[in-house]
């Protein structure tokens, strides 16, 4: 399996229907074996994240987008299960506040991008401003096209100032979403996750698929690539995103900072 098979090439002909939501290529062997493999990768991510934080040079942004119940929270829980919270930060984007609406739509996003040495995870992101707003016709085609260009410019700014961007679309089927939503309703420990408004958005499934296709096709670039991650299998989803993140961290080749020469002469007395 090659992770580049899931990377959307810039300016290529793109359709979500070309990606199987039930693909389990990243999950090898039994579920138990896959869990062990995931723990190993999580440990490798942790080791590199520790060096990344100590070096204080690189910045990494992982964007997670997907329909309700596609597993954004679960991805964070499992991919970063071995990581020290130091140097890891989660930013969740809900409906904008009155203050945020008084600014441009990227204002609240730029405020929470990674600092040097950080890995930041966006649970939803600035892409909400070309998805839900387009599906509900709160912006027209011309404004959506302008926003695609603005997002590309914004992400190029981040890339040119040292941020590695990884954008993952969690590709879940409508049938799997139905199953998971029903589980939320039936399981008392998960009911709190269910929002009746999610059903209204689910009814707009075709419109969302089209909006996602347009957004991904317009904004998958060399400096900020999109990956379509099959997400009907939670284990496959977690494994593939872990592999993608690990590959990008390895490319950075982070190293621990060199200790000052005079440290060799320091002897701590009793």
Protein backbone atom coordinates (compact mmCIF):
# COMPACT_ATOMS: atom_id res chain seq x y z
CA UNK A 1 0.00 0.00 0.00
CA UNK A 2 1.27 3.46 -0.94
CA UNK A 3 -0.06 6.50 0.95
CA UNK A 4 0.34 8.56 -2.22
CA UNK A 5 -2.53 6.56 -3.71
CA UNK A 6 -4.80 8.53 -1.37
CA UNK A 7 -3.24 11.91 -2.11
CA UNK A 8 -5.23 14.14 -4.46
CA UNK A 9 -2.91 15.42 -7.14
CA UNK A 10 -3.12 19.17 -7.86
CA UNK A 11 -5.38 20.12 -10.76
CA UNK A 12 -6.23 16.48 -11.45
CA UNK A 13 -9.61 15.08 -12.39
CA UNK A 14 -11.11 14.18 -9.03
CA UNK A 15 -14.20 12.36 -7.83
CA UNK A 16 -14.96 10.95 -4.38
CA UNK A 17 -16.62 8.00 -6.11
CA UNK A 18 -13.14 6.85 -7.17
CA UNK A 19 -12.33 6.12 -3.51
CA UNK A 20 -13.87 3.13 -1.74
CA UNK A 21 -15.05 4.05 1.76
CA UNK A 22 -14.62 0.37 2.77
CA UNK A 23 -11.00 0.17 1.63
CA UNK A 24 -8.92 -1.51 4.37
CA UNK A 25 -5.52 -1.55 2.68
CA UNK A 26 -3.84 0.20 5.61
CA UNK A 27 -5.16 -2.39 8.06
CA UNK A 28 -3.10 -5.54 7.64
CA UNK A 29 -3.84 -8.80 9.42
CA UNK A 30 -6.45 -9.20 12.14
CA UNK A 31 -7.93 -6.31 14.05
CA UNK A 32 -5.75 -7.25 17.03
CA UNK A 33 -2.61 -7.18 14.86
CA UNK A 34 -3.67 -3.83 13.43
CA UNK A 35 -4.07 -2.40 16.94
CA UNK A 36 -0.52 -3.48 17.80
CA UNK A 37 0.78 -1.96 14.56
CA UNK A 38 -1.05 1.29 15.31
CA UNK A 39 0.47 1.44 18.78
CA UNK A 40 3.93 1.05 17.23
CA UNK A 41 3.34 3.91 14.79
CA UNK A 42 1.86 6.06 17.56
CA UNK A 43 5.05 5.49 19.53
CA UNK A 44 7.15 6.56 16.54
CA UNK A 45 5.03 9.69 16.13
CA UNK A 46 5.56 10.47 19.80
CA UNK A 47 9.33 10.10 19.49
CA UNK A 48 9.47 12.47 16.52
CA UNK A 49 7.07 14.92 18.15
CA UNK A 50 9.36 15.08 21.18
CA UNK A 51 12.32 16.01 18.96
CA UNK A 52 10.14 18.46 16.99
CA UNK A 53 9.16 20.26 20.19
CA UNK A 54 12.70 20.32 21.57
CA UNK A 55 14.12 21.67 18.30
CA UNK A 56 11.50 24.40 18.07
CA UNK A 57 11.94 24.85 14.33
CA UNK A 58 9.17 23.08 12.41
CA UNK A 59 5.40 23.55 12.57
CA UNK A 60 2.87 20.87 11.62
CA UNK A 61 -0.84 21.31 10.92
CA UNK A 62 -3.14 18.31 10.54
CA UNK A 63 -6.59 19.20 9.20
CA UNK A 64 -9.42 16.70 9.76
CA UNK A 65 -12.61 17.21 7.77
CA UNK A 66 -15.53 14.88 7.25
CA UNK A 67 -19.23 14.36 7.61
CA UNK A 68 -20.79 13.92 11.06
CA UNK A 69 -19.72 10.61 12.68
CA UNK A 70 -16.80 10.16 10.27
CA UNK A 71 -14.48 9.87 13.27
CA UNK A 72 -12.57 13.11 13.72
CA UNK A 73 -12.53 12.81 17.53
CA UNK A 74 -11.65 9.11 17.37
CA UNK A 75 -8.78 9.85 15.00
CA UNK A 76 -7.24 12.31 17.45
CA UNK A 77 -7.66 9.85 20.33
CA UNK A 78 -5.91 6.96 18.58
CA UNK A 79 -3.31 8.65 16.36
CA UNK A 80 -1.95 10.68 19.28
CA UNK A 81 -2.52 8.04 21.97
CA UNK A 82 1.18 7.80 22.83
CA UNK A 83 2.01 11.49 22.58
CA UNK A 84 3.00 13.76 25.43
CA UNK A 85 0.45 16.63 25.49
CA UNK A 86 3.40 19.02 25.44
CA UNK A 87 3.65 20.35 21.90
CA UNK A 88 0.28 18.94 20.80
CA UNK A 89 -2.73 21.25 20.50
CA UNK A 90 -6.28 20.66 19.29
CA UNK A 91 -8.38 23.42 17.74
CA UNK A 92 -12.08 22.76 17.14
CA UNK A 93 -14.18 24.99 14.93
CA UNK A 94 -17.84 25.38 15.72
CA UNK A 95 -20.32 28.03 14.57
CA UNK A 96 -18.52 31.40 14.58
CA UNK A 97 -19.15 33.80 17.43
CA UNK A 98 -20.44 37.35 16.96
CA UNK A 99 -16.91 38.67 17.33
CA UNK A 100 -15.57 36.20 14.77
CA UNK A 101 -18.30 37.12 12.30
CA UNK A 102 -17.23 40.74 12.59
CA UNK A 103 -13.86 39.78 11.06
CA UNK A 104 -12.93 37.99 7.85
CA UNK A 105 -13.57 34.23 7.94
CA UNK A 106 -9.86 33.35 8.18
CA UNK A 107 -9.22 35.60 11.18
CA UNK A 108 -10.13 33.01 13.81
CA UNK A 109 -8.14 30.36 11.95
CA UNK A 110 -4.89 32.26 11.69
CA UNK A 111 -4.99 32.86 15.43
CA UNK A 112 -4.62 29.14 16.23
CA UNK A 113 -2.16 27.85 13.60
CA UNK A 114 0.93 26.03 14.92
CA UNK A 115 3.81 27.77 16.63
CA UNK A 116 7.36 26.52 16.15
CA UNK A 117 7.70 23.05 17.63
CA UNK A 118 3.96 22.38 17.68
CA UNK A 119 1.68 19.86 16.04
CA UNK A 120 -1.81 21.34 15.83
CA UNK A 121 -4.88 19.33 14.87
CA UNK A 122 -7.86 21.12 13.35
CA UNK A 123 -11.11 19.30 14.14
CA UNK A 124 -13.02 20.87 11.28
CA UNK A 125 -11.37 23.98 9.91
CA UNK A 126 -11.52 26.99 7.61
CA UNK A 127 -13.04 24.63 5.05
CA UNK A 128 -16.39 24.98 6.81
CA UNK A 129 -16.49 28.37 5.10
CA UNK A 130 -16.68 26.74 1.66
CA UNK A 131 -18.75 23.71 2.71
CA UNK A 132 -21.76 24.30 4.94
CA UNK A 133 -22.11 27.89 3.73
CA UNK A 134 -22.16 26.71 0.12
CA UNK A 135 -24.53 23.80 0.73
CA UNK A 136 -27.00 26.18 2.36
CA UNK A 137 -26.51 28.82 -0.35
CA UNK A 138 -25.23 31.43 2.08
CA UNK A 139 -22.56 32.22 -0.50
CA UNK A 140 -22.82 31.97 -4.28
CA UNK A 141 -20.51 30.23 -6.76
CA UNK A 142 -18.46 33.37 -7.39
CA UNK A 143 -17.79 33.93 -3.69
CA UNK A 144 -16.95 30.25 -3.21
CA UNK A 145 -14.41 30.44 -6.02
CA UNK A 146 -12.87 33.56 -4.45
CA UNK A 147 -12.59 31.74 -1.13
CA UNK A 148 -10.84 28.78 -2.75
CA UNK A 149 -8.20 31.21 -4.06
CA UNK A 150 -7.94 32.94 -0.66
CA UNK A 151 -7.52 29.61 1.14
CA UNK A 152 -4.76 28.58 -1.27
CA UNK A 153 -3.01 31.90 -0.63
CA UNK A 154 -3.43 31.49 3.14
CA UNK A 155 -2.06 27.96 3.11
CA UNK A 156 0.85 29.00 0.90
CA UNK A 157 1.69 31.68 3.46
CA UNK A 158 1.74 29.04 6.18
CA UNK A 159 3.88 26.70 4.08
CA UNK A 160 6.36 29.42 3.14
CA UNK A 161 6.78 30.35 6.80
CA UNK A 162 7.61 26.81 7.90
CA UNK A 163 4.33 24.96 8.37
CA UNK A 164 3.89 21.42 7.06
CA UNK A 165 0.23 20.99 6.16
CA UNK A 166 -1.60 17.65 5.95
CA UNK A 167 -5.32 17.70 5.10
CA UNK A 168 -7.39 14.55 5.53
CA UNK A 169 -10.94 14.05 4.35
CA UNK A 170 -12.49 11.20 6.34
CA UNK A 171 -14.45 9.43 3.62
CA UNK A 172 -17.42 7.68 5.24
CA UNK A 173 -20.41 6.15 3.44
CA UNK A 174 -23.95 7.27 4.12
CA UNK A 175 -24.83 3.77 5.35
CA UNK A 176 -21.96 3.77 7.85
CA UNK A 177 -22.95 7.22 9.06
CA UNK A 178 -26.48 5.95 9.64
CA UNK A 179 -25.13 3.05 11.70
CA UNK A 180 -22.93 5.26 13.86
CA UNK A 181 -25.64 7.86 14.41
CA UNK A 182 -28.04 5.16 15.55
CA UNK A 183 -25.39 3.89 17.96
CA UNK A 184 -25.14 7.36 19.43
CA UNK A 185 -28.88 7.41 20.04
CA UNK A 186 -29.03 3.89 21.49
CA UNK A 187 -25.91 4.00 23.68
CA UNK A 188 -26.37 6.11 26.84
CA UNK A 189 -22.63 6.78 26.93
CA UNK A 190 -22.74 8.25 23.41
CA UNK A 191 -26.10 10.02 23.36
CA UNK A 192 -24.47 13.31 24.27
CA UNK A 193 -22.75 13.26 20.86
CA UNK A 194 -26.06 13.21 18.97
CA UNK A 195 -27.55 16.45 17.72
CA UNK A 196 -30.94 16.35 15.93
CA UNK A 197 -29.62 19.01 13.56
CA UNK A 198 -27.19 16.40 12.25
CA UNK A 199 -30.15 14.71 10.57
CA UNK A 200 -30.96 17.90 8.67
CA UNK A 201 -27.41 18.00 7.35
CA UNK A 202 -27.54 14.28 6.53
CA UNK A 203 -30.55 14.97 4.30
CA UNK A 204 -28.24 17.17 2.22
CA UNK A 205 -25.72 14.38 1.62
CA UNK A 206 -25.47 14.79 -2.21
CA UNK A 207 -24.91 18.52 -1.85
CA UNK A 208 -22.16 17.95 0.72
CA UNK A 209 -20.41 15.39 -1.46
CA UNK A 210 -20.38 17.87 -4.33
CA UNK A 211 -19.14 20.66 -2.07
CA UNK A 212 -16.35 18.46 -0.75
CA UNK A 213 -15.33 17.38 -4.25
CA UNK A 214 -15.14 20.99 -5.42
CA UNK A 215 -13.23 22.16 -2.34
CA UNK A 216 -10.71 19.31 -2.41
CA UNK A 217 -10.13 19.61 -6.16
CA UNK A 218 -9.57 23.37 -5.89
CA UNK A 219 -7.29 23.34 -2.84
CA UNK A 220 -5.14 20.22 -3.00
CA UNK A 221 -1.70 21.67 -3.70
CA UNK A 222 1.90 20.53 -3.48
CA UNK A 223 2.37 22.60 -0.32
CA UNK A 224 -0.98 21.67 1.28
CA UNK A 225 -2.13 18.29 -0.05
CA UNK A 226 -5.47 16.61 0.56
CA UNK A 227 -5.70 12.90 1.35
CA UNK A 228 -8.96 10.98 0.95
CA UNK A 229 -9.02 8.54 3.87
CA UNK A 230 -11.45 5.59 3.68
CA UNK A 231 -13.24 5.78 7.03
CA UNK A 232 -15.89 3.05 7.20
CA UNK A 233 -13.27 1.03 9.07
CA UNK A 234 -12.14 2.95 12.14
CA UNK A 235 -8.95 0.91 12.39
CA UNK A 236 -8.07 1.54 8.75
CA UNK A 237 -8.81 5.25 9.16
CA UNK A 238 -6.56 5.56 12.20
CA UNK A 239 -3.77 3.51 10.63
CA UNK A 240 -3.72 5.41 7.35
CA UNK A 241 -3.72 8.86 8.96
CA UNK A 242 -0.96 7.71 11.33
CA UNK A 243 1.10 6.52 8.37
CA UNK A 244 0.57 9.80 6.51
CA UNK A 245 1.53 11.90 9.54
CA UNK A 246 4.58 9.74 10.29
CA UNK A 247 5.81 10.04 6.71
CA UNK A 248 5.59 13.84 6.83
CA UNK A 249 7.35 14.00 10.20
CA UNK A 250 10.15 11.79 8.92
CA UNK A 251 10.65 14.09 5.93
CA UNK A 252 11.32 16.98 8.30
CA UNK A 253 14.23 15.06 9.84
CA UNK A 254 14.01 16.83 13.19
CA UNK A 255 17.06 16.67 15.47
CA UNK A 256 17.55 17.47 19.12
CA UNK A 257 19.29 20.82 19.67
CA UNK A 258 22.99 20.60 20.41
CA UNK A 259 23.83 21.31 24.03
CA UNK A 260 26.12 24.32 24.69
CA UNK A 261 29.77 23.25 24.90
CA UNK A 262 30.17 24.47 28.47
CA UNK A 263 27.47 22.05 29.67
CA UNK A 264 30.18 19.36 29.66
CA UNK A 265 31.85 21.11 32.55
CA UNK A 266 28.74 21.25 34.72
CA UNK A 267 28.78 18.88 37.66
CA UNK A 268 25.79 18.97 39.99
CA UNK A 269 26.93 18.79 43.57
CA UNK A 270 25.04 16.95 46.30
